[in-house]
Amino acid sequence: ALRAIRLLERLAGAGADRSGSAGVYETYPGGAVAAWTLVDRSYKRADSGPERAAIVAALGRHLDLGGFTEQMAASDDDLDAVLCAAIVGLAAAGRTHAPEESDTARAAREGWIHIPRGPIEDLAVLATLDG
């Protein structure tokens, strides 16, 4: 998180807005997995291959994962990277939980973790995003 803060400040200057309103989003892949209720136990452990495979299968119904499904099922880091990219796309489309009005100043200063607010089917919106 500290490295991300330094990078954001290098890009946008000291005191940069950390809420996501400037187009830079903080994500939490485990939060998306929980929000979408994709698995019942951790996908981070060495013996969590079946959980990762279930998550990859769910993502694959809504995203083109190319030839990376086996790699994502084998590595929670690789799976997290794809989950984070998907969450950023959803955030850019306005489909994550945004700070309440009373939280905007604090979120701009301290950061805001974007979690999907809708079902996994919302990933279909990513096919229509520009850029």
Protein backbone atom coordinates (compact mmCIF):
# COMPACT_ATOMS: atom_id res chain seq x y z
CA ALA A 1 0.00 0.00 0.00
CA LEU A 2 2.82 2.42 0.81
CA ARG A 3 4.46 1.79 -2.55
CA ALA A 4 1.14 2.45 -4.28
CA ILE A 5 0.79 5.72 -2.38
CA ARG A 6 4.26 6.81 -3.49
CA LEU A 7 3.49 5.89 -7.11
CA LEU A 8 0.19 7.76 -7.00
CA GLU A 9 1.89 10.84 -5.60
CA ARG A 10 4.55 10.65 -8.31
CA LEU A 11 1.80 10.54 -10.92
CA ALA A 12 -0.60 13.07 -9.44
CA GLY A 13 1.44 15.04 -6.91
CA ALA A 14 1.51 15.17 -3.13
CA GLY A 15 -1.90 14.95 -1.56
CA ALA A 16 -3.34 13.08 -4.54
CA ASP A 17 -6.93 11.90 -4.19
CA ARG A 18 -6.88 8.26 -3.10
CA SER A 19 -10.63 7.59 -3.31
CA GLY A 20 -10.64 6.48 -6.93
CA SER A 21 -12.30 9.63 -8.23
CA ALA A 22 -9.08 10.49 -10.09
CA GLY A 23 -9.12 7.17 -11.97
CA VAL A 24 -6.66 5.28 -9.76
CA TYR A 25 -8.41 2.57 -7.75
CA GLU A 26 -7.41 0.54 -4.70
CA THR A 27 -8.70 -3.01 -5.03
CA TYR A 28 -9.02 -6.07 -2.84
CA PRO A 29 -9.40 -9.28 -4.82
CA GLY A 30 -10.55 -11.31 -1.82
CA GLY A 31 -13.32 -8.77 -1.32
CA ALA A 32 -14.62 -9.42 -4.83
CA VAL A 33 -14.48 -13.18 -4.30
CA ALA A 34 -16.47 -12.75 -1.08
CA ALA A 35 -18.93 -10.28 -2.62
CA TRP A 36 -19.63 -12.70 -5.44
CA THR A 37 -19.69 -15.69 -3.01
CA LEU A 38 -17.54 -17.72 -5.40
CA VAL A 39 -15.96 -20.11 -2.87
CA ASP A 40 -16.54 -21.10 0.74
CA ARG A 41 -12.92 -21.16 1.91
CA SER A 42 -9.60 -19.45 1.21
CA TYR A 43 -8.15 -19.65 -2.28
CA LYS A 44 -4.73 -18.54 -1.00
CA ARG A 45 -3.45 -21.77 0.53
CA ALA A 46 -1.21 -24.31 -1.19
CA ASP A 47 -4.06 -26.84 -1.19
CA SER A 48 -6.63 -24.35 -2.56
CA GLY A 49 -6.36 -25.41 -6.20
CA PRO A 50 -10.04 -26.42 -6.36
CA GLU A 51 -11.12 -23.04 -5.00
CA ARG A 52 -8.93 -21.17 -7.49
CA ALA A 53 -10.25 -23.37 -10.31
CA ALA A 54 -13.83 -22.53 -9.29
CA ILE A 55 -13.07 -18.80 -9.29
CA VAL A 56 -11.34 -19.05 -12.67
CA ALA A 57 -14.33 -20.96 -14.08
CA ALA A 58 -16.72 -18.27 -12.81
CA LEU A 59 -14.58 -15.48 -14.28
CA GLY A 60 -14.26 -17.40 -17.56
CA ARG A 61 -18.03 -17.34 -18.02
CA HIS A 62 -17.86 -13.54 -18.24
CA LEU A 63 -14.32 -12.67 -19.39
CA ASP A 64 -12.01 -13.91 -22.12
CA LEU A 65 -9.15 -15.35 -20.07
CA GLY A 66 -7.20 -16.47 -23.11
CA GLY A 67 -4.85 -19.33 -22.41
CA PHE A 68 -4.21 -18.31 -18.81
CA THR A 69 -6.80 -20.37 -16.95
CA GLU A 70 -4.38 -23.07 -15.80
CA GLN A 71 -1.84 -20.47 -14.67
CA MET A 72 -4.52 -18.58 -12.72
CA ALA A 73 -5.76 -21.79 -11.09
CA ALA A 74 -2.19 -22.66 -10.09
CA SER A 75 -1.21 -19.25 -8.68
CA ASP A 76 -3.23 -17.08 -6.33
CA ASP A 77 -0.97 -14.15 -7.31
CA ASP A 78 -1.85 -14.51 -10.99
CA LEU A 79 -5.52 -14.92 -10.13
CA ASP A 80 -5.37 -11.82 -7.92
CA ALA A 81 -3.88 -9.80 -10.79
CA VAL A 82 -6.82 -10.65 -13.04
CA LEU A 83 -9.33 -10.02 -10.26
CA CYS A 84 -7.77 -6.61 -9.58
CA ALA A 85 -7.91 -5.70 -13.27
CA ALA A 86 -11.58 -6.71 -13.39
CA ILE A 87 -12.36 -4.66 -10.28
CA VAL A 88 -10.65 -1.61 -11.82
CA GLY A 89 -12.82 -2.03 -14.90
CA LEU A 90 -15.93 -2.22 -12.75
CA ALA A 91 -14.82 0.83 -10.76
CA ALA A 92 -14.28 2.80 -13.97
CA ALA A 93 -17.81 1.82 -15.00
CA GLY A 94 -19.23 2.97 -11.65
CA ARG A 95 -20.05 -0.56 -10.49
CA THR A 96 -18.17 -0.67 -7.19
CA HIS A 97 -19.14 0.61 -3.77
CA ALA A 98 -18.18 4.28 -3.70
CA PRO A 99 -17.66 6.33 -0.55
CA GLU A 100 -20.77 7.82 1.01
CA GLU A 101 -20.91 11.62 0.96
CA SER A 102 -19.83 11.71 4.61
CA ASP A 103 -16.75 9.59 3.77
CA THR A 104 -15.46 11.39 0.66
CA ALA A 105 -12.92 13.64 2.39
CA ARG A 106 -11.50 10.77 4.44
CA ALA A 107 -11.45 8.47 1.39
CA ALA A 108 -9.60 11.09 -0.66
CA ARG A 109 -6.98 11.35 2.07
CA GLU A 110 -6.72 7.74 3.30
CA GLY A 111 -7.91 5.71 0.32
CA TRP A 112 -10.94 3.66 -0.58
CA ILE A 113 -11.01 -0.05 -1.37
CA HIS A 114 -13.30 -0.68 -4.32
CA ILE A 115 -15.46 -3.80 -4.01
CA PRO A 116 -17.98 -4.83 -6.69
CA ARG A 117 -21.52 -3.82 -5.74
CA GLY A 118 -23.32 -6.09 -8.18
CA PRO A 119 -23.22 -9.70 -9.28
CA ILE A 120 -20.33 -11.24 -11.19
CA GLU A 121 -22.46 -10.88 -14.34
CA ASP A 122 -21.61 -7.17 -14.19
CA LEU A 123 -18.25 -8.13 -15.69
CA ALA A 124 -20.04 -8.08 -19.05
CA VAL A 125 -19.77 -4.27 -18.90
CA LEU A 126 -15.99 -4.60 -19.37
CA ALA A 127 -16.53 -5.59 -23.00
CA THR A 128 -18.01 -2.14 -23.67
CA LEU A 129 -15.37 0.02 -21.98
CA ASP A 130 -13.13 2.18 -24.14
CA GLY A 131 -9.37 2.07 -23.61
